[in-house]
Amino acid sequence: NKLGNLFYEQGDFDLAIETYKTGLKVEQAVLDPFHPNIVVTLTNIGQIHKHRGELDYAIHWYTEALHIQRRALSANHAGLAVTLSTIGLLHYQRGSFSQALDMYQEA
């Protein structure tokens, strides 16, 4: 994740995504499937897609993180609310207002 963060900060988004995906494979192989590091990596990938305006891809990666969080966290956990809000914002930005509202209300 740290190497991906470095590439992200340098503006090399392609290399950052590649690095995050490589790290994700390792995390998924060695960590518990609900480990918070996996969520961080998924949201980092989503963040890059969000930054690039690739909203559908961003929603995909944030939703993957949300699936893990829903299993690992309590329903009122702040991290869950942040992810739901982010997905809501992404739906809003792509003009899917009813889906955005659903996410915001759940958050």
PDB file of N, CA and C in Angstrom:
ATOM      1  N   ASN A   1       0.811  -1.192   0.000  1.00  0.00           N
ATOM      2  CA  ASN A   1       0.000   0.000   0.000  1.00  0.00           C
ATOM      3  C   ASN A   1       0.858   1.260   0.000  1.00  0.00           C
ATOM      4  N   LYS A   2       1.928   1.250   0.755  1.00  0.00           N
ATOM      5  CA  LYS A   2       2.760   2.445   0.845  1.00  0.00           C
ATOM      6  C   LYS A   2       3.403   2.788  -0.501  1.00  0.00           C
ATOM      7  N   LEU A   3       3.823   1.778  -1.235  1.00  0.00           N
ATOM      8  CA  LEU A   3       4.404   2.025  -2.549  1.00  0.00           C
ATOM      9  C   LEU A   3       3.341   2.570  -3.510  1.00  0.00           C
ATOM     10  N   GLY A   4       2.150   2.021  -3.451  1.00  0.00           N
ATOM     11  CA  GLY A   4       1.047   2.543  -4.247  1.00  0.00           C
ATOM     12  C   GLY A   4       0.742   3.983  -3.882  1.00  0.00           C
ATOM     13  N   ASN A   5       0.788   4.291  -2.584  1.00  0.00           N
ATOM     14  CA  ASN A   5       0.565   5.663  -2.137  1.00  0.00           C
ATOM     15  C   ASN A   5       1.604   6.610  -2.717  1.00  0.00           C
ATOM     16  N   LEU A   6       2.853   6.166  -2.764  1.00  0.00           N
ATOM     17  CA  LEU A   6       3.922   6.984  -3.322  1.00  0.00           C
ATOM     18  C   LEU A   6       3.650   7.293  -4.791  1.00  0.00           C
ATOM     19  N   PHE A   7       3.295   6.272  -5.564  1.00  0.00           N
ATOM     20  CA  PHE A   7       3.004   6.493  -6.979  1.00  0.00           C
ATOM     21  C   PHE A   7       1.791   7.404  -7.157  1.00  0.00           C
ATOM     22  N   TYR A   8       0.797   7.248  -6.274  1.00  0.00           N
ATOM     23  CA  TYR A   8      -0.387   8.108  -6.314  1.00  0.00           C
ATOM     24  C   TYR A   8       0.015   9.565  -6.088  1.00  0.00           C
ATOM     25  N   GLU A   9       0.822   9.801  -5.064  1.00  0.00           N
ATOM     26  CA  GLU A   9       1.263  11.164  -4.737  1.00  0.00           C
ATOM     27  C   GLU A   9       2.097  11.771  -5.862  1.00  0.00           C
ATOM     28  N   GLN A  10       2.816  10.921  -6.596  1.00  0.00           N
ATOM     29  CA  GLN A  10       3.618  11.394  -7.721  1.00  0.00           C
ATOM     30  C   GLN A  10       2.772  11.605  -8.979  1.00  0.00           C
ATOM     31  N   GLY A  11       1.508  11.207  -8.915  1.00  0.00           N
ATOM     32  CA  GLY A  11       0.611  11.380 -10.053  1.00  0.00           C
ATOM     33  C   GLY A  11       0.671  10.259 -11.066  1.00  0.00           C
ATOM     34  N   ASP A  12       1.366   9.180 -10.749  1.00  0.00           N
ATOM     35  CA  ASP A  12       1.446   8.029 -11.649  1.00  0.00           C
ATOM     36  C   ASP A  12       0.334   7.048 -11.273  1.00  0.00           C
ATOM     37  N   PHE A  13      -0.876   7.370 -11.721  1.00  0.00           N
ATOM     38  CA  PHE A  13      -2.054   6.618 -11.299  1.00  0.00           C
ATOM     39  C   PHE A  13      -2.081   5.201 -11.852  1.00  0.00           C
ATOM     40  N   ASP A  14      -1.592   5.016 -13.062  1.00  0.00           N
ATOM     41  CA  ASP A  14      -1.557   3.663 -13.630  1.00  0.00           C
ATOM     42  C   ASP A  14      -0.663   2.751 -12.800  1.00  0.00           C
ATOM     43  N   LEU A  15       0.514   3.242 -12.462  1.00  0.00           N
ATOM     44  CA  LEU A  15       1.438   2.436 -11.664  1.00  0.00           C
ATOM     45  C   LEU A  15       0.904   2.254 -10.240  1.00  0.00           C
ATOM     46  N   ALA A  16       0.236   3.258  -9.717  1.00  0.00           N
ATOM     47  CA  ALA A  16      -0.352   3.132  -8.385  1.00  0.00           C
ATOM     48  C   ALA A  16      -1.406   2.028  -8.376  1.00  0.00           C
ATOM     49  N   ILE A  17      -2.295   2.022  -9.367  1.00  0.00           N
ATOM     50  CA  ILE A  17      -3.331   0.984  -9.435  1.00  0.00           C
ATOM     51  C   ILE A  17      -2.694  -0.394  -9.569  1.00  0.00           C
ATOM     52  N   GLU A  18      -1.714  -0.503 -10.448  1.00  0.00           N
ATOM     53  CA  GLU A  18      -1.031  -1.783 -10.639  1.00  0.00           C
ATOM     54  C   GLU A  18      -0.407  -2.262  -9.323  1.00  0.00           C
ATOM     55  N   THR A  19       0.230  -1.350  -8.611  1.00  0.00           N
ATOM     56  CA  THR A  19       0.875  -1.694  -7.347  1.00  0.00           C
ATOM     57  C   THR A  19      -0.162  -2.090  -6.296  1.00  0.00           C
ATOM     58  N   TYR A  20      -1.248  -1.336  -6.220  1.00  0.00           N
ATOM     59  CA  TYR A  20      -2.314  -1.684  -5.272  1.00  0.00           C
ATOM     60  C   TYR A  20      -2.901  -3.056  -5.587  1.00  0.00           C
ATOM     61  N   LYS A  21      -3.126  -3.340  -6.862  1.00  0.00           N
ATOM     62  CA  LYS A  21      -3.714  -4.634  -7.234  1.00  0.00           C
ATOM     63  C   LYS A  21      -2.770  -5.785  -6.906  1.00  0.00           C
ATOM     64  N   THR A  22      -1.487  -5.577  -7.109  1.00  0.00           N
ATOM     65  CA  THR A  22      -0.506  -6.601  -6.739  1.00  0.00           C
ATOM     66  C   THR A  22      -0.529  -6.817  -5.222  1.00  0.00           C
ATOM     67  N   GLY A  23      -0.546  -5.728  -4.481  1.00  0.00           N
ATOM     68  CA  GLY A  23      -0.619  -5.831  -3.029  1.00  0.00           C
ATOM     69  C   GLY A  23      -1.906  -6.486  -2.563  1.00  0.00           C
ATOM     70  N   LEU A  24      -3.001  -6.198  -3.261  1.00  0.00           N
ATOM     71  CA  LEU A  24      -4.289  -6.795  -2.908  1.00  0.00           C
ATOM     72  C   LEU A  24      -4.246  -8.314  -3.043  1.00  0.00           C
ATOM     73  N   LYS A  25      -3.631  -8.797  -4.103  1.00  0.00           N
ATOM     74  CA  LYS A  25      -3.512 -10.243  -4.281  1.00  0.00           C
ATOM     75  C   LYS A  25      -2.748 -10.876  -3.120  1.00  0.00           C
ATOM     76  N   VAL A  26      -1.682 -10.227  -2.703  1.00  0.00           N
ATOM     77  CA  VAL A  26      -0.893 -10.740  -1.580  1.00  0.00           C
ATOM     78  C   VAL A  26      -1.730 -10.705  -0.302  1.00  0.00           C
ATOM     79  N   GLU A  27      -2.393  -9.587  -0.058  1.00  0.00           N
ATOM     80  CA  GLU A  27      -3.223  -9.469   1.147  1.00  0.00           C
ATOM     81  C   GLU A  27      -4.307 -10.542   1.182  1.00  0.00           C
ATOM     82  N   GLN A  28      -4.948 -10.746   0.050  1.00  0.00           N
ATOM     83  CA  GLN A  28      -6.017 -11.745  -0.007  1.00  0.00           C
ATOM     84  C   GLN A  28      -5.491 -13.160   0.193  1.00  0.00           C
ATOM     85  N   ALA A  29      -4.229 -13.384  -0.154  1.00  0.00           N
ATOM     86  CA  ALA A  29      -3.632 -14.711   0.008  1.00  0.00           C
ATOM     87  C   ALA A  29      -3.208 -14.984   1.449  1.00  0.00           C
ATOM     88  N   VAL A  30      -2.814 -13.949   2.177  1.00  0.00           N
ATOM     89  CA  VAL A  30      -2.226 -14.197   3.496  1.00  0.00           C
ATOM     90  C   VAL A  30      -3.049 -13.672   4.674  1.00  0.00           C
ATOM     91  N   LEU A  31      -3.986 -12.772   4.418  1.00  0.00           N
ATOM     92  CA  LEU A  31      -4.763 -12.194   5.512  1.00  0.00           C
ATOM     93  C   LEU A  31      -6.154 -12.803   5.590  1.00  0.00           C
ATOM     94  N   ASP A  32      -6.777 -12.623   6.731  1.00  0.00           N
ATOM     95  CA  ASP A  32      -8.181 -12.977   6.890  1.00  0.00           C
ATOM     96  C   ASP A  32      -8.990 -12.212   5.828  1.00  0.00           C
ATOM     97  N   PRO A  33     -10.012 -12.822   5.233  1.00  0.00           N
ATOM     98  CA  PRO A  33     -10.761 -12.148   4.163  1.00  0.00           C
ATOM     99  C   PRO A  33     -11.438 -10.851   4.600  1.00  0.00           C
ATOM    100  N   PHE A  34     -11.585 -10.640   5.903  1.00  0.00           N
ATOM    101  CA  PHE A  34     -12.231  -9.431   6.403  1.00  0.00           C
ATOM    102  C   PHE A  34     -11.233  -8.468   7.051  1.00  0.00           C
ATOM    103  N   HIS A  35      -9.966  -8.649   6.762  1.00  0.00           N
ATOM    104  CA  HIS A  35      -8.929  -7.814   7.365  1.00  0.00           C
ATOM    105  C   HIS A  35      -9.068  -6.367   6.874  1.00  0.00           C
ATOM    106  N   PRO A  36      -8.899  -5.403   7.774  1.00  0.00           N
ATOM    107  CA  PRO A  36      -9.054  -4.000   7.375  1.00  0.00           C
ATOM    108  C   PRO A  36      -8.055  -3.523   6.323  1.00  0.00           C
ATOM    109  N   ASN A  37      -6.903  -4.141   6.232  1.00  0.00           N
ATOM    110  CA  ASN A  37      -5.939  -3.732   5.195  1.00  0.00           C
ATOM    111  C   ASN A  37      -6.489  -3.966   3.798  1.00  0.00           C
ATOM    112  N   ILE A  38      -7.272  -5.012   3.643  1.00  0.00           N
ATOM    113  CA  ILE A  38      -7.880  -5.286   2.336  1.00  0.00           C
ATOM    114  C   ILE A  38      -8.852  -4.170   1.977  1.00  0.00           C
ATOM    115  N   VAL A  39      -9.617  -3.732   2.956  1.00  0.00           N
ATOM    116  CA  VAL A  39     -10.555  -2.626   2.735  1.00  0.00           C
ATOM    117  C   VAL A  39      -9.799  -1.365   2.321  1.00  0.00           C
ATOM    118  N   VAL A  40      -8.706  -1.079   2.987  1.00  0.00           N
ATOM    119  CA  VAL A  40      -7.905   0.107   2.658  1.00  0.00           C
ATOM    120  C   VAL A  40      -7.415   0.035   1.213  1.00  0.00           C
ATOM    121  N   THR A  41      -6.914  -1.111   0.810  1.00  0.00           N
ATOM    122  CA  THR A  41      -6.408  -1.263  -0.557  1.00  0.00           C
ATOM    123  C   THR A  41      -7.533  -1.101  -1.568  1.00  0.00           C
ATOM    124  N   LEU A  42      -8.672  -1.704  -1.310  1.00  0.00           N
ATOM    125  CA  LEU A  42      -9.815  -1.569  -2.218  1.00  0.00           C
ATOM    126  C   LEU A  42     -10.244  -0.114  -2.347  1.00  0.00           C
ATOM    127  N   THR A  43     -10.304   0.601  -1.236  1.00  0.00           N
ATOM    128  CA  THR A  43     -10.720   1.999  -1.309  1.00  0.00           C
ATOM    129  C   THR A  43      -9.650   2.879  -1.958  1.00  0.00           C
ATOM    130  N   ASN A  44      -8.386   2.512  -1.799  1.00  0.00           N
ATOM    131  CA  ASN A  44      -7.332   3.260  -2.494  1.00  0.00           C
ATOM    132  C   ASN A  44      -7.493   3.145  -4.009  1.00  0.00           C
ATOM    133  N   ILE A  45      -7.789   1.957  -4.482  1.00  0.00           N
ATOM    134  CA  ILE A  45      -8.015   1.765  -5.922  1.00  0.00           C
ATOM    135  C   ILE A  45      -9.242   2.565  -6.351  1.00  0.00           C
ATOM    136  N   GLY A  46     -10.301   2.490  -5.544  1.00  0.00           N
ATOM    137  CA  GLY A  46     -11.505   3.261  -5.842  1.00  0.00           C
ATOM    138  C   GLY A  46     -11.232   4.753  -5.888  1.00  0.00           C
ATOM    139  N   GLN A  47     -10.394   5.230  -4.979  1.00  0.00           N
ATOM    140  CA  GLN A  47     -10.065   6.659  -4.926  1.00  0.00           C
ATOM    141  C   GLN A  47      -9.383   7.125  -6.211  1.00  0.00           C
ATOM    142  N   ILE A  48      -8.495   6.319  -6.744  1.00  0.00           N
ATOM    143  CA  ILE A  48      -7.823   6.704  -7.988  1.00  0.00           C
ATOM    144  C   ILE A  48      -8.845   6.798  -9.121  1.00  0.00           C
ATOM    145  N   HIS A  49      -9.716   5.815  -9.217  1.00  0.00           N
ATOM    146  CA  HIS A  49     -10.738   5.871 -10.255  1.00  0.00           C
ATOM    147  C   HIS A  49     -11.647   7.076 -10.061  1.00  0.00           C
ATOM    148  N   LYS A  50     -11.973   7.387  -8.826  1.00  0.00           N
ATOM    149  CA  LYS A  50     -12.780   8.579  -8.536  1.00  0.00           C
ATOM    150  C   LYS A  50     -12.045   9.825  -9.003  1.00  0.00           C
ATOM    151  N   HIS A  51     -10.770   9.924  -8.684  1.00  0.00           N
ATOM    152  CA  HIS A  51      -9.946  11.074  -9.066  1.00  0.00           C
ATOM    153  C   HIS A  51      -9.898  11.241 -10.591  1.00  0.00           C
ATOM    154  N   ARG A  52      -9.889  10.128 -11.297  1.00  0.00           N
ATOM    155  CA  ARG A  52      -9.838  10.158 -12.762  1.00  0.00           C
ATOM    156  C   ARG A  52     -11.207  10.392 -13.398  1.00  0.00           C
ATOM    157  N   GLY A  53     -12.259  10.380 -12.597  1.00  0.00           N
ATOM    158  CA  GLY A  53     -13.603  10.532 -13.132  1.00  0.00           C
ATOM    159  C   GLY A  53     -14.197   9.237 -13.652  1.00  0.00           C
ATOM    160  N   GLU A  54     -13.572   8.133 -13.334  1.00  0.00           N
ATOM    161  CA  GLU A  54     -14.046   6.805 -13.756  1.00  0.00           C
ATOM    162  C   GLU A  54     -14.992   6.278 -12.676  1.00  0.00           C
ATOM    163  N   LEU A  55     -16.177   6.858 -12.662  1.00  0.00           N
ATOM    164  CA  LEU A  55     -17.086   6.665 -11.542  1.00  0.00           C
ATOM    165  C   LEU A  55     -17.580   5.234 -11.415  1.00  0.00           C
ATOM    166  N   ASP A  56     -17.866   4.572 -12.531  1.00  0.00           N
ATOM    167  CA  ASP A  56     -18.336   3.186 -12.453  1.00  0.00           C
ATOM    168  C   ASP A  56     -17.274   2.274 -11.840  1.00  0.00           C
ATOM    169  N   TYR A  57     -16.033   2.476 -12.237  1.00  0.00           N
ATOM    170  CA  TYR A  57     -14.952   1.682 -11.646  1.00  0.00           C
ATOM    171  C   TYR A  57     -14.798   2.013 -10.158  1.00  0.00           C
ATOM    172  N   ALA A  58     -14.891   3.288  -9.825  1.00  0.00           N
ATOM    173  CA  ALA A  58     -14.770   3.688  -8.425  1.00  0.00           C
ATOM    174  C   ALA A  58     -15.873   3.036  -7.591  1.00  0.00           C
ATOM    175  N   ILE A  59     -17.094   3.058  -8.103  1.00  0.00           N
ATOM    176  CA  ILE A  59     -18.207   2.431  -7.382  1.00  0.00           C
ATOM    177  C   ILE A  59     -17.932   0.946  -7.174  1.00  0.00           C
ATOM    178  N   HIS A  60     -17.407   0.298  -8.209  1.00  0.00           N
ATOM    179  CA  HIS A  60     -17.099  -1.133  -8.092  1.00  0.00           C
ATOM    180  C   HIS A  60     -16.157  -1.400  -6.920  1.00  0.00           C
ATOM    181  N   TRP A  61     -15.046  -0.669  -6.838  1.00  0.00           N
ATOM    182  CA  TRP A  61     -14.033  -0.939  -5.821  1.00  0.00           C
ATOM    183  C   TRP A  61     -14.524  -0.560  -4.431  1.00  0.00           C
ATOM    184  N   TYR A  62     -15.233   0.557  -4.331  1.00  0.00           N
ATOM    185  CA  TYR A  62     -15.790   0.932  -3.024  1.00  0.00           C
ATOM    186  C   TYR A  62     -16.854  -0.069  -2.577  1.00  0.00           C
ATOM    187  N   THR A  63     -17.618  -0.599  -3.519  1.00  0.00           N
ATOM    188  CA  THR A  63     -18.634  -1.593  -3.174  1.00  0.00           C
ATOM    189  C   THR A  63     -17.990  -2.883  -2.686  1.00  0.00           C
ATOM    190  N   GLU A  64     -16.879  -3.271  -3.286  1.00  0.00           N
ATOM    191  CA  GLU A  64     -16.140  -4.434  -2.792  1.00  0.00           C
ATOM    192  C   GLU A  64     -15.706  -4.212  -1.341  1.00  0.00           C
ATOM    193  N   ALA A  65     -15.218  -3.020  -1.061  1.00  0.00           N
ATOM    194  CA  ALA A  65     -14.821  -2.693   0.313  1.00  0.00           C
ATOM    195  C   ALA A  65     -16.035  -2.739   1.238  1.00  0.00           C
ATOM    196  N   LEU A  66     -17.161  -2.222   0.760  1.00  0.00           N
ATOM    197  CA  LEU A  66     -18.382  -2.201   1.558  1.00  0.00           C
ATOM    198  C   LEU A  66     -18.843  -3.612   1.923  1.00  0.00           C
ATOM    199  N   HIS A  67     -18.739  -4.548   0.991  1.00  0.00           N
ATOM    200  CA  HIS A  67     -19.130  -5.938   1.268  1.00  0.00           C
ATOM    201  C   HIS A  67     -18.332  -6.500   2.445  1.00  0.00           C
ATOM    202  N   ILE A  68     -17.050  -6.215   2.472  1.00  0.00           N
ATOM    203  CA  ILE A  68     -16.210  -6.690   3.579  1.00  0.00           C
ATOM    204  C   ILE A  68     -16.601  -5.977   4.869  1.00  0.00           C
ATOM    205  N   GLN A  69     -16.770  -4.670   4.789  1.00  0.00           N
ATOM    206  CA  GLN A  69     -17.110  -3.906   5.989  1.00  0.00           C
ATOM    207  C   GLN A  69     -18.443  -4.356   6.585  1.00  0.00           C
ATOM    208  N   ARG A  70     -19.407  -4.662   5.752  1.00  0.00           N
ATOM    209  CA  ARG A  70     -20.710  -5.097   6.259  1.00  0.00           C
ATOM    210  C   ARG A  70     -20.594  -6.403   7.044  1.00  0.00           C
ATOM    211  N   ARG A  71     -19.654  -7.233   6.685  1.00  0.00           N
ATOM    212  CA  ARG A  71     -19.457  -8.495   7.406  1.00  0.00           C
ATOM    213  C   ARG A  71     -18.581  -8.317   8.638  1.00  0.00           C
ATOM    214  N   ALA A  72     -17.672  -7.357   8.585  1.00  0.00           N
ATOM    215  CA  ALA A  72     -16.674  -7.229   9.650  1.00  0.00           C
ATOM    216  C   ALA A  72     -17.023  -6.188  10.710  1.00  0.00           C
ATOM    217  N   LEU A  73     -17.868  -5.228  10.367  1.00  0.00           N
ATOM    218  CA  LEU A  73     -18.132  -4.107  11.272  1.00  0.00           C
ATOM    219  C   LEU A  73     -19.586  -4.104  11.727  1.00  0.00           C
ATOM    220  N   SER A  74     -19.826  -3.433  12.824  1.00  0.00           N
ATOM    221  CA  SER A  74     -21.206  -3.263  13.282  1.00  0.00           C
ATOM    222  C   SER A  74     -21.915  -2.267  12.366  1.00  0.00           C
ATOM    223  N   ALA A  75     -23.223  -2.334  12.346  1.00  0.00           N
ATOM    224  CA  ALA A  75     -24.019  -1.496  11.441  1.00  0.00           C
ATOM    225  C   ALA A  75     -23.851  -0.002  11.706  1.00  0.00           C
ATOM    226  N   ASN A  76     -23.437   0.363  12.903  1.00  0.00           N
ATOM    227  CA  ASN A  76     -23.280   1.786  13.220  1.00  0.00           C
ATOM    228  C   ASN A  76     -21.816   2.228  13.268  1.00  0.00           C
ATOM    229  N   HIS A  77     -20.933   1.467  12.688  1.00  0.00           N
ATOM    230  CA  HIS A  77     -19.506   1.794  12.677  1.00  0.00           C
ATOM    231  C   HIS A  77     -19.255   2.981  11.732  1.00  0.00           C
ATOM    232  N   ALA A  78     -18.416   3.910  12.161  1.00  0.00           N
ATOM    233  CA  ALA A  78     -18.131   5.105  11.369  1.00  0.00           C
ATOM    234  C   ALA A  78     -17.507   4.776  10.009  1.00  0.00           C
ATOM    235  N   GLY A  79     -16.660   3.760   9.948  1.00  0.00           N
ATOM    236  CA  GLY A  79     -16.026   3.386   8.681  1.00  0.00           C
ATOM    237  C   GLY A  79     -17.039   2.956   7.643  1.00  0.00           C
ATOM    238  N   LEU A  80     -18.052   2.272   8.077  1.00  0.00           N
ATOM    239  CA  LEU A  80     -19.128   1.845   7.186  1.00  0.00           C
ATOM    240  C   LEU A  80     -19.866   3.067   6.647  1.00  0.00           C
ATOM    241  N   ALA A  81     -20.141   4.034   7.519  1.00  0.00           N
ATOM    242  CA  ALA A  81     -20.832   5.254   7.101  1.00  0.00           C
ATOM    243  C   ALA A  81     -20.008   6.045   6.079  1.00  0.00           C
ATOM    244  N   VAL A  82     -18.704   6.093   6.275  1.00  0.00           N
ATOM    245  CA  VAL A  82     -17.838   6.814   5.332  1.00  0.00           C
ATOM    246  C   VAL A  82     -17.893   6.168   3.951  1.00  0.00           C
ATOM    247  N   THR A  83     -17.801   4.853   3.900  1.00  0.00           N
ATOM    248  CA  THR A  83     -17.842   4.153   2.613  1.00  0.00           C
ATOM    249  C   THR A  83     -19.200   4.336   1.942  1.00  0.00           C
ATOM    250  N   LEU A  84     -20.274   4.215   2.714  1.00  0.00           N
ATOM    251  CA  LEU A  84     -21.610   4.426   2.154  1.00  0.00           C
ATOM    252  C   LEU A  84     -21.762   5.845   1.602  1.00  0.00           C
ATOM    253  N   SER A  85     -21.250   6.832   2.325  1.00  0.00           N
ATOM    254  CA  SER A  85     -21.310   8.220   1.866  1.00  0.00           C
ATOM    255  C   SER A  85     -20.508   8.428   0.589  1.00  0.00           C
ATOM    256  N   THR A  86     -19.360   7.803   0.523  1.00  0.00           N
ATOM    257  CA  THR A  86     -18.531   7.923  -0.677  1.00  0.00           C
ATOM    258  C   THR A  86     -19.243   7.319  -1.879  1.00  0.00           C
ATOM    259  N   ILE A  87     -19.824   6.156  -1.693  1.00  0.00           N
ATOM    260  CA  ILE A  87     -20.575   5.527  -2.786  1.00  0.00           C
ATOM    261  C   ILE A  87     -21.764   6.405  -3.156  1.00  0.00           C
ATOM    262  N   GLY A  88     -22.425   6.988  -2.169  1.00  0.00           N
ATOM    263  CA  GLY A  88     -23.520   7.909  -2.441  1.00  0.00           C
ATOM    264  C   GLY A  88     -23.065   9.089  -3.279  1.00  0.00           C
ATOM    265  N   LEU A  89     -21.932   9.675  -2.936  1.00  0.00           N
ATOM    266  CA  LEU A  89     -21.383  10.795  -3.699  1.00  0.00           C
ATOM    267  C   LEU A  89     -21.080  10.390  -5.135  1.00  0.00           C
ATOM    268  N   LEU A  90     -20.519   9.206  -5.314  1.00  0.00           N
ATOM    269  CA  LEU A  90     -20.200   8.725  -6.661  1.00  0.00           C
ATOM    270  C   LEU A  90     -21.471   8.558  -7.494  1.00  0.00           C
ATOM    271  N   HIS A  91     -22.518   8.013  -6.889  1.00  0.00           N
ATOM    272  CA  HIS A  91     -23.793   7.880  -7.599  1.00  0.00           C
ATOM    273  C   HIS A  91     -24.359   9.258  -7.932  1.00  0.00           C
ATOM    274  N   TYR A  92     -24.243  10.187  -7.005  1.00  0.00           N
ATOM    275  CA  TYR A  92     -24.708  11.557  -7.242  1.00  0.00           C
ATOM    276  C   TYR A  92     -23.962  12.166  -8.427  1.00  0.00           C
ATOM    277  N   GLN A  93     -22.646  12.001  -8.442  1.00  0.00           N
ATOM    278  CA  GLN A  93     -21.827  12.575  -9.511  1.00  0.00           C
ATOM    279  C   GLN A  93     -22.146  11.982 -10.874  1.00  0.00           C
ATOM    280  N   ARG A  94     -22.606  10.746 -10.906  1.00  0.00           N
ATOM    281  CA  ARG A  94     -22.960  10.149 -12.194  1.00  0.00           C
ATOM    282  C   ARG A  94     -24.442  10.339 -12.525  1.00  0.00           C
ATOM    283  N   GLY A  95     -25.151  11.070 -11.658  1.00  0.00           N
ATOM    284  CA  GLY A  95     -26.540  11.393 -11.940  1.00  0.00           C
ATOM    285  C   GLY A  95     -27.544  10.350 -11.497  1.00  0.00           C
ATOM    286  N   SER A  96     -27.110   9.384 -10.724  1.00  0.00           N
ATOM    287  CA  SER A  96     -27.995   8.332 -10.210  1.00  0.00           C
ATOM    288  C   SER A  96     -28.503   8.771  -8.843  1.00  0.00           C
ATOM    289  N   PHE A  97     -29.442   9.707  -8.865  1.00  0.00           N
ATOM    290  CA  PHE A  97     -29.845  10.372  -7.637  1.00  0.00           C
ATOM    291  C   PHE A  97     -30.576   9.459  -6.662  1.00  0.00           C
ATOM    292  N   SER A  98     -31.388   8.541  -7.163  1.00  0.00           N
ATOM    293  CA  SER A  98     -32.097   7.651  -6.237  1.00  0.00           C
ATOM    294  C   SER A  98     -31.126   6.700  -5.549  1.00  0.00           C
ATOM    295  N   GLN A  99     -30.121   6.212  -6.282  1.00  0.00           N
ATOM    296  CA  GLN A  99     -29.118   5.351  -5.658  1.00  0.00           C
ATOM    297  C   GLN A  99     -28.273   6.150  -4.658  1.00  0.00           C
ATOM    298  N   ALA A 100     -27.981   7.396  -5.002  1.00  0.00           N
ATOM    299  CA  ALA A 100     -27.234   8.254  -4.080  1.00  0.00           C
ATOM    300  C   ALA A 100     -28.027   8.444  -2.789  1.00  0.00           C
ATOM    301  N   LEU A 101     -29.311   8.720  -2.930  1.00  0.00           N
ATOM    302  CA  LEU A 101     -30.158   8.915  -1.755  1.00  0.00           C
ATOM    303  C   LEU A 101     -30.186   7.666  -0.885  1.00  0.00           C
ATOM    304  N   ASP A 102     -30.309   6.505  -1.509  1.00  0.00           N
ATOM    305  CA  ASP A 102     -30.299   5.247  -0.746  1.00  0.00           C
ATOM    306  C   ASP A 102     -29.024   5.097   0.073  1.00  0.00           C
ATOM    307  N   MET A 103     -27.882   5.400  -0.550  1.00  0.00           N
ATOM    308  CA  MET A 103     -26.597   5.277   0.152  1.00  0.00           C
ATOM    309  C   MET A 103     -26.502   6.288   1.289  1.00  0.00           C
ATOM    310  N   TYR A 104     -26.909   7.527   1.011  1.00  0.00           N
ATOM    311  CA  TYR A 104     -26.849   8.559   2.041  1.00  0.00           C
ATOM    312  C   TYR A 104     -27.756   8.213   3.212  1.00  0.00           C
ATOM    313  N   GLN A 105     -28.940   7.697   2.927  1.00  0.00           N
ATOM    314  CA  GLN A 105     -29.854   7.341   4.009  1.00  0.00           C
ATOM    315  C   GLN A 105     -29.315   6.186   4.848  1.00  0.00           C
ATOM    316  N   GLU A 106     -28.681   5.231   4.209  1.00  0.00           N
ATOM    317  CA  GLU A 106     -28.107   4.114   4.963  1.00  0.00           C
ATOM    318  C   GLU A 106     -26.917   4.567   5.799  1.00  0.00           C
ATOM    319  N   ALA A 107     -26.170   5.544   5.258  1.00  0.00           N
ATOM    320  CA  ALA A 107     -25.004   6.061   5.988  1.00  0.00           C
ATOM    321  C   ALA A 107     -25.467   6.764   7.249  1.00  0.00           C
TER     322      ALA A 107
END
